[in-house]
Amino acid sequence: MPPADPAPQNSAQLEADDAAGRAEESEQASSATPDENTEAAKSMGGLKLFLTTFVTIFVAEIGDKTQVTTLLMSAESRAPLTVFLGAGSALILTTSLGIGVGRWLSKRVSTRTLETATGALLMIISLLLLWDVVTL
């Protein structure tokens, strides 16, 4: 004879079971390997990362010395395509170097340490620039 069906569970019990299942899934996700986390980040956040990077660099470069330099070179040479290709190639190379060094560092130093070191370096540069302005 087959066993009798268990008594139906009430909604509070179902919600508790559901919450426990979500907690277990969350724990499994947090114990994922770095490769699994990277794959998830690539699939879910690729466009967001692209847009964030684009907007950050675009805003940082507006009115920057690179933009002013390319403006002047283009105006003086009357060869904007050549200036565009030269400046674009230089920016691609410097960006590639930044990505390469960043990737190399990320394998040897924690993200927290990199953020702290970057913040400290930017603070030192800011203080030196401020000192330069004050002593003029």
N, C-alpha and C. Protein backbone atom coordinates (compact mmCIF):
# COMPACT_ATOMS: atom_id res chain seq x y z
N MET A 1 0.85 -1.16 0.00
CA MET A 1 0.00 0.00 0.00
C MET A 1 0.90 1.23 0.00
N PRO A 2 0.63 2.25 -0.89
CA PRO A 2 1.48 3.45 -0.94
C PRO A 2 1.29 4.28 0.31
N PRO A 3 2.36 5.00 0.71
CA PRO A 3 2.25 5.83 1.91
C PRO A 3 1.27 6.97 1.67
N ALA A 4 0.66 7.37 2.74
CA ALA A 4 -0.32 8.46 2.66
C ALA A 4 0.40 9.76 2.34
N ASP A 5 -0.29 10.64 1.59
CA ASP A 5 0.29 11.94 1.27
C ASP A 5 0.51 12.72 2.56
N PRO A 6 1.64 13.42 2.66
CA PRO A 6 1.86 14.21 3.86
C PRO A 6 0.83 15.33 3.91
N ALA A 7 0.61 15.81 5.10
CA ALA A 7 -0.37 16.88 5.28
C ALA A 7 0.08 18.11 4.51
N PRO A 8 -0.88 18.82 3.90
CA PRO A 8 -0.48 20.03 3.18
C PRO A 8 0.16 21.03 4.13
N GLN A 9 1.19 21.71 3.62
CA GLN A 9 1.90 22.67 4.44
C GLN A 9 1.18 24.02 4.38
N ASN A 10 1.28 24.75 5.48
CA ASN A 10 0.67 26.07 5.47
C ASN A 10 1.59 27.05 4.75
N SER A 11 1.09 28.26 4.46
CA SER A 11 1.86 29.23 3.67
C SER A 11 3.11 29.69 4.41
N ALA A 12 3.07 29.77 5.74
CA ALA A 12 4.25 30.18 6.50
C ALA A 12 5.36 29.15 6.35
N GLN A 13 4.99 27.87 6.37
CA GLN A 13 5.99 26.81 6.21
C GLN A 13 6.57 26.86 4.80
N LEU A 14 5.72 27.07 3.80
CA LEU A 14 6.20 27.16 2.42
C LEU A 14 7.16 28.34 2.26
N GLU A 15 6.84 29.49 2.86
CA GLU A 15 7.72 30.65 2.77
C GLU A 15 9.04 30.40 3.47
N ALA A 16 9.01 29.71 4.61
CA ALA A 16 10.24 29.39 5.33
C ALA A 16 11.13 28.46 4.51
N ASP A 17 10.51 27.45 3.89
CA ASP A 17 11.26 26.53 3.04
C ASP A 17 11.86 27.27 1.84
N ASP A 18 11.09 28.17 1.26
CA ASP A 18 11.56 28.95 0.11
C ASP A 18 12.74 29.82 0.52
N ALA A 19 12.65 30.47 1.68
CA ALA A 19 13.74 31.33 2.17
C ALA A 19 14.99 30.49 2.43
N ALA A 20 14.82 29.31 2.99
CA ALA A 20 15.96 28.43 3.25
C ALA A 20 16.62 28.02 1.93
N GLY A 21 15.80 27.74 0.93
CA GLY A 21 16.33 27.38 -0.39
C GLY A 21 17.12 28.53 -1.01
N ARG A 22 16.60 29.76 -0.87
CA ARG A 22 17.31 30.91 -1.41
C ARG A 22 18.62 31.14 -0.67
N ALA A 23 18.62 30.94 0.64
CA ALA A 23 19.84 31.11 1.43
C ALA A 23 20.89 30.10 0.99
N GLU A 24 20.44 28.87 0.75
CA GLU A 24 21.37 27.82 0.30
C GLU A 24 21.94 28.18 -1.07
N GLU A 25 21.10 28.67 -1.98
CA GLU A 25 21.57 29.07 -3.31
C GLU A 25 22.56 30.22 -3.20
N SER A 26 22.28 31.17 -2.31
CA SER A 26 23.18 32.31 -2.11
C SER A 26 24.52 31.84 -1.58
N GLU A 27 24.49 30.89 -0.64
CA GLU A 27 25.73 30.35 -0.08
C GLU A 27 26.52 29.64 -1.16
N GLN A 28 25.85 28.89 -2.01
CA GLN A 28 26.53 28.20 -3.09
C GLN A 28 27.14 29.19 -4.07
N ALA A 29 26.42 30.28 -4.35
CA ALA A 29 26.92 31.29 -5.27
C ALA A 29 28.14 31.99 -4.69
N SER A 30 28.12 32.24 -3.37
CA SER A 30 29.25 32.94 -2.76
C SER A 30 30.47 32.04 -2.66
N SER A 31 30.27 30.73 -2.71
CA SER A 31 31.41 29.82 -2.66
C SER A 31 31.84 29.39 -4.06
N ALA A 32 31.32 30.10 -5.08
CA ALA A 32 31.71 29.79 -6.45
C ALA A 32 33.18 30.12 -6.66
N THR A 33 33.79 29.43 -7.59
CA THR A 33 35.19 29.70 -7.89
C THR A 33 35.30 31.05 -8.59
N PRO A 34 36.50 31.65 -8.56
CA PRO A 34 36.68 32.94 -9.25
C PRO A 34 36.32 32.87 -10.73
N ASP A 35 36.61 31.72 -11.38
CA ASP A 35 36.26 31.58 -12.79
C ASP A 35 34.75 31.64 -13.00
N GLU A 36 33.99 30.99 -12.09
CA GLU A 36 32.53 31.02 -12.19
C GLU A 36 32.01 32.43 -11.97
N ASN A 37 32.59 33.15 -10.99
CA ASN A 37 32.17 34.53 -10.74
C ASN A 37 32.50 35.42 -11.93
N THR A 38 33.66 35.21 -12.55
CA THR A 38 34.05 36.00 -13.70
C THR A 38 33.10 35.75 -14.86
N GLU A 39 32.75 34.51 -15.08
CA GLU A 39 31.82 34.19 -16.17
C GLU A 39 30.47 34.83 -15.93
N ALA A 40 30.00 34.82 -14.68
CA ALA A 40 28.72 35.44 -14.37
C ALA A 40 28.80 36.95 -14.60
N ALA A 41 29.91 37.54 -14.21
CA ALA A 41 30.08 38.99 -14.41
C ALA A 41 30.13 39.31 -15.89
N LYS A 42 30.79 38.46 -16.66
CA LYS A 42 30.87 38.70 -18.11
C LYS A 42 29.50 38.63 -18.75
N SER A 43 28.72 37.63 -18.37
CA SER A 43 27.44 37.44 -19.03
C SER A 43 26.40 38.45 -18.59
N MET A 44 26.42 38.86 -17.32
CA MET A 44 25.39 39.75 -16.82
C MET A 44 25.78 41.22 -16.87
N GLY A 45 27.05 41.53 -16.71
CA GLY A 45 27.43 42.91 -16.56
C GLY A 45 28.31 43.46 -17.66
N GLY A 46 28.47 42.74 -18.75
CA GLY A 46 29.35 43.19 -19.83
C GLY A 46 28.95 44.55 -20.37
N LEU A 47 27.68 44.72 -20.69
CA LEU A 47 27.21 45.98 -21.23
C LEU A 47 27.32 47.08 -20.19
N LYS A 48 26.96 46.76 -18.95
CA LYS A 48 27.05 47.76 -17.87
C LYS A 48 28.49 48.19 -17.67
N LEU A 49 29.43 47.24 -17.67
CA LEU A 49 30.84 47.56 -17.51
C LEU A 49 31.33 48.42 -18.67
N PHE A 50 30.92 48.05 -19.89
CA PHE A 50 31.31 48.83 -21.07
C PHE A 50 30.82 50.28 -20.95
N LEU A 51 29.54 50.44 -20.62
CA LEU A 51 28.97 51.79 -20.52
C LEU A 51 29.61 52.60 -19.39
N THR A 52 29.85 51.95 -18.26
CA THR A 52 30.49 52.64 -17.14
C THR A 52 31.89 53.10 -17.52
N THR A 53 32.65 52.22 -18.16
CA THR A 53 34.00 52.57 -18.60
C THR A 53 33.95 53.70 -19.62
N PHE A 54 33.07 53.59 -20.59
CA PHE A 54 32.95 54.61 -21.64
C PHE A 54 32.64 55.98 -21.04
N VAL A 55 31.61 56.04 -20.21
CA VAL A 55 31.19 57.32 -19.63
C VAL A 55 32.29 57.89 -18.74
N THR A 56 32.92 57.06 -17.92
CA THR A 56 33.98 57.52 -17.03
C THR A 56 35.14 58.12 -17.81
N ILE A 57 35.62 57.41 -18.82
CA ILE A 57 36.75 57.89 -19.60
C ILE A 57 36.35 59.10 -20.44
N PHE A 58 35.16 59.08 -21.02
CA PHE A 58 34.70 60.20 -21.83
C PHE A 58 34.63 61.48 -21.01
N VAL A 59 34.02 61.41 -19.85
CA VAL A 59 33.89 62.59 -18.99
C VAL A 59 35.27 63.05 -18.50
N ALA A 60 36.14 62.11 -18.17
CA ALA A 60 37.48 62.47 -17.68
C ALA A 60 38.31 63.15 -18.77
N GLU A 61 38.09 62.78 -20.02
CA GLU A 61 38.90 63.31 -21.11
C GLU A 61 38.38 64.63 -21.68
N ILE A 62 37.14 65.00 -21.39
CA ILE A 62 36.60 66.27 -21.91
C ILE A 62 37.43 67.42 -21.34
N GLY A 63 38.01 68.20 -22.23
CA GLY A 63 38.81 69.34 -21.80
C GLY A 63 40.18 68.97 -21.26
N ASP A 64 40.53 67.70 -21.34
CA ASP A 64 41.82 67.23 -20.85
C ASP A 64 42.91 67.72 -21.80
N LYS A 65 44.14 67.66 -21.32
CA LYS A 65 45.25 68.14 -22.15
C LYS A 65 45.38 67.35 -23.45
N THR A 66 44.99 66.09 -23.44
CA THR A 66 45.04 65.30 -24.67
C THR A 66 44.06 65.87 -25.70
N GLN A 67 42.88 66.21 -25.26
CA GLN A 67 41.90 66.75 -26.19
C GLN A 67 42.35 68.11 -26.72
N VAL A 68 42.87 68.95 -25.85
CA VAL A 68 43.35 70.26 -26.28
C VAL A 68 44.52 70.10 -27.26
N THR A 69 45.42 69.16 -26.97
CA THR A 69 46.56 68.92 -27.85
C THR A 69 46.10 68.45 -29.22
N THR A 70 45.18 67.50 -29.27
CA THR A 70 44.69 67.02 -30.57
C THR A 70 43.94 68.12 -31.31
N LEU A 71 43.23 68.97 -30.59
CA LEU A 71 42.54 70.10 -31.22
C LEU A 71 43.56 71.02 -31.89
N LEU A 72 44.61 71.38 -31.16
CA LEU A 72 45.63 72.27 -31.72
C LEU A 72 46.38 71.62 -32.88
N MET A 73 46.74 70.35 -32.74
CA MET A 73 47.47 69.67 -33.82
C MET A 73 46.61 69.57 -35.08
N SER A 74 45.35 69.29 -34.89
CA SER A 74 44.45 69.18 -36.03
C SER A 74 44.29 70.53 -36.72
N ALA A 75 44.15 71.59 -35.94
CA ALA A 75 43.99 72.93 -36.51
C ALA A 75 45.25 73.38 -37.24
N GLU A 76 46.41 73.13 -36.65
CA GLU A 76 47.67 73.56 -37.26
C GLU A 76 48.02 72.75 -38.50
N SER A 77 47.79 71.46 -38.47
CA SER A 77 48.21 70.60 -39.59
C SER A 77 47.20 70.55 -40.72
N ARG A 78 45.97 70.87 -40.41
CA ARG A 78 44.87 70.76 -41.37
C ARG A 78 44.77 69.33 -41.93
N ALA A 79 45.13 68.37 -41.09
CA ALA A 79 45.03 66.96 -41.45
C ALA A 79 44.36 66.22 -40.29
N PRO A 80 43.06 66.47 -40.09
CA PRO A 80 42.40 65.89 -38.91
C PRO A 80 42.39 64.36 -38.90
N LEU A 81 42.30 63.74 -40.06
CA LEU A 81 42.28 62.27 -40.08
C LEU A 81 43.60 61.70 -39.57
N THR A 82 44.70 62.29 -40.00
CA THR A 82 46.02 61.82 -39.55
C THR A 82 46.18 62.03 -38.05
N VAL A 83 45.75 63.19 -37.55
CA VAL A 83 45.82 63.46 -36.11
C VAL A 83 44.92 62.48 -35.36
N PHE A 84 43.73 62.23 -35.88
CA PHE A 84 42.81 61.28 -35.25
C PHE A 84 43.44 59.89 -35.16
N LEU A 85 44.02 59.43 -36.26
CA LEU A 85 44.63 58.10 -36.26
C LEU A 85 45.83 58.02 -35.31
N GLY A 86 46.65 59.07 -35.27
CA GLY A 86 47.79 59.09 -34.36
C GLY A 86 47.35 59.12 -32.90
N ALA A 87 46.41 60.02 -32.59
CA ALA A 87 45.93 60.13 -31.20
C ALA A 87 45.19 58.87 -30.78
N GLY A 88 44.37 58.34 -31.67
CA GLY A 88 43.63 57.11 -31.35
C GLY A 88 44.57 55.94 -31.09
N SER A 89 45.59 55.83 -31.91
CA SER A 89 46.57 54.74 -31.73
C SER A 89 47.31 54.89 -30.39
N ALA A 90 47.68 56.12 -30.06
CA ALA A 90 48.36 56.36 -28.78
C ALA A 90 47.45 56.02 -27.60
N LEU A 91 46.17 56.39 -27.68
CA LEU A 91 45.24 56.09 -26.60
C LEU A 91 45.00 54.58 -26.47
N ILE A 92 44.94 53.90 -27.61
CA ILE A 92 44.78 52.43 -27.57
C ILE A 92 45.99 51.79 -26.88
N LEU A 93 47.19 52.28 -27.21
CA LEU A 93 48.40 51.71 -26.61
C LEU A 93 48.45 51.98 -25.11
N THR A 94 48.17 53.22 -24.70
CA THR A 94 48.22 53.52 -23.26
C THR A 94 47.14 52.77 -22.50
N THR A 95 45.97 52.61 -23.11
CA THR A 95 44.90 51.84 -22.47
C THR A 95 45.30 50.37 -22.35
N SER A 96 45.93 49.84 -23.39
CA SER A 96 46.39 48.44 -23.35
C SER A 96 47.42 48.24 -22.25
N LEU A 97 48.33 49.19 -22.10
CA LEU A 97 49.32 49.10 -21.02
C LEU A 97 48.63 49.12 -19.66
N GLY A 98 47.65 50.01 -19.50
CA GLY A 98 46.92 50.07 -18.24
C GLY A 98 46.20 48.78 -17.92
N ILE A 99 45.57 48.20 -18.93
CA ILE A 99 44.85 46.94 -18.74
C ILE A 99 45.83 45.81 -18.42
N GLY A 100 46.95 45.78 -19.12
CA GLY A 100 47.95 44.73 -18.88
C GLY A 100 48.52 44.80 -17.48
N VAL A 101 48.90 45.99 -17.05
CA VAL A 101 49.46 46.17 -15.71
C VAL A 101 48.38 45.88 -14.67
N GLY A 102 47.16 46.35 -14.91
CA GLY A 102 46.06 46.08 -13.97
C GLY A 102 45.78 44.60 -13.82
N ARG A 103 45.79 43.89 -14.91
CA ARG A 103 45.55 42.45 -14.86
C ARG A 103 46.69 41.74 -14.12
N TRP A 104 47.92 42.14 -14.41
CA TRP A 104 49.08 41.55 -13.74
C TRP A 104 49.00 41.80 -12.23
N LEU A 105 48.69 43.06 -11.85
CA LEU A 105 48.59 43.39 -10.43
C LEU A 105 47.45 42.65 -9.75
N SER A 106 46.33 42.49 -10.45
CA SER A 106 45.16 41.85 -9.83
C SER A 106 45.42 40.39 -9.47
N LYS A 107 46.41 39.78 -10.10
CA LYS A 107 46.75 38.40 -9.78
C LYS A 107 47.71 38.31 -8.59
N ARG A 108 48.29 39.45 -8.20
CA ARG A 108 49.30 39.44 -7.15
C ARG A 108 48.90 40.23 -5.90
N VAL A 109 47.95 41.16 -6.07
CA VAL A 109 47.56 42.04 -4.97
C VAL A 109 46.04 42.04 -4.87
N SER A 110 45.52 42.14 -3.66
CA SER A 110 44.07 42.14 -3.48
C SER A 110 43.46 43.43 -4.05
N THR A 111 42.19 43.34 -4.39
CA THR A 111 41.48 44.51 -4.92
C THR A 111 41.47 45.63 -3.91
N ARG A 112 41.28 45.30 -2.66
CA ARG A 112 41.26 46.32 -1.59
C ARG A 112 42.60 47.06 -1.52
N THR A 113 43.69 46.33 -1.62
CA THR A 113 45.02 46.96 -1.59
C THR A 113 45.22 47.86 -2.80
N LEU A 114 44.78 47.39 -3.98
CA LEU A 114 44.89 48.22 -5.18
C LEU A 114 44.09 49.51 -5.05
N GLU A 115 42.88 49.41 -4.52
CA GLU A 115 42.04 50.60 -4.34
C GLU A 115 42.68 51.57 -3.36
N THR A 116 43.23 51.05 -2.27
CA THR A 116 43.87 51.90 -1.27
C THR A 116 45.11 52.57 -1.85
N ALA A 117 45.93 51.81 -2.56
CA ALA A 117 47.15 52.37 -3.16
C ALA A 117 46.80 53.42 -4.22
N THR A 118 45.79 53.15 -5.02
CA THR A 118 45.37 54.11 -6.04
C THR A 118 44.85 55.39 -5.39
N GLY A 119 44.04 55.25 -4.37
CA GLY A 119 43.53 56.42 -3.66
C GLY A 119 44.65 57.24 -3.05
N ALA A 120 45.62 56.56 -2.44
CA ALA A 120 46.75 57.26 -1.82
C ALA A 120 47.58 57.98 -2.89
N LEU A 121 47.82 57.32 -4.01
CA LEU A 121 48.59 57.93 -5.10
C LEU A 121 47.88 59.17 -5.65
N LEU A 122 46.58 59.07 -5.87
CA LEU A 122 45.82 60.22 -6.37
C LEU A 122 45.81 61.35 -5.34
N MET A 123 45.76 61.01 -4.07
CA MET A 123 45.79 62.03 -3.02
C MET A 123 47.14 62.74 -3.02
N ILE A 124 48.22 62.00 -3.15
CA ILE A 124 49.56 62.59 -3.19
C ILE A 124 49.70 63.52 -4.39
N ILE A 125 49.23 63.06 -5.55
CA ILE A 125 49.29 63.90 -6.76
C ILE A 125 48.48 65.17 -6.56
N SER A 126 47.29 65.05 -5.97
CA SER A 126 46.45 66.22 -5.72
C SER A 126 47.14 67.20 -4.78
N LEU A 127 47.74 66.69 -3.72
CA LEU A 127 48.44 67.56 -2.78
C LEU A 127 49.64 68.26 -3.42
N LEU A 128 50.37 67.53 -4.27
CA LEU A 128 51.50 68.15 -4.97
C LEU A 128 51.03 69.24 -5.93
N LEU A 129 49.94 69.00 -6.62
CA LEU A 129 49.38 70.02 -7.52
C LEU A 129 48.90 71.23 -6.73
N LEU A 130 48.25 70.98 -5.61
CA LEU A 130 47.79 72.08 -4.75
C LEU A 130 48.99 72.88 -4.24
N TRP A 131 50.03 72.18 -3.80
CA TRP A 131 51.24 72.85 -3.32
C TRP A 131 51.84 73.72 -4.41
N ASP A 132 51.85 73.21 -5.63
CA ASP A 132 52.39 73.95 -6.77
C ASP A 132 51.59 75.23 -7.02
N VAL A 133 50.28 75.15 -6.91
CA VAL A 133 49.43 76.31 -7.11
C VAL A 133 49.61 77.33 -5.99
N VAL A 134 49.69 76.86 -4.77
CA VAL A 134 49.82 77.75 -3.62
C VAL A 134 51.16 78.48 -3.62
N THR A 135 52.22 77.84 -4.06
CA THR A 135 53.56 78.44 -4.01
C THR A 135 53.86 79.30 -5.23
N LEU A 136 52.95 79.47 -6.15
CA LEU A 136 53.20 80.31 -7.33
C LEU A 136 53.30 81.75 -6.99
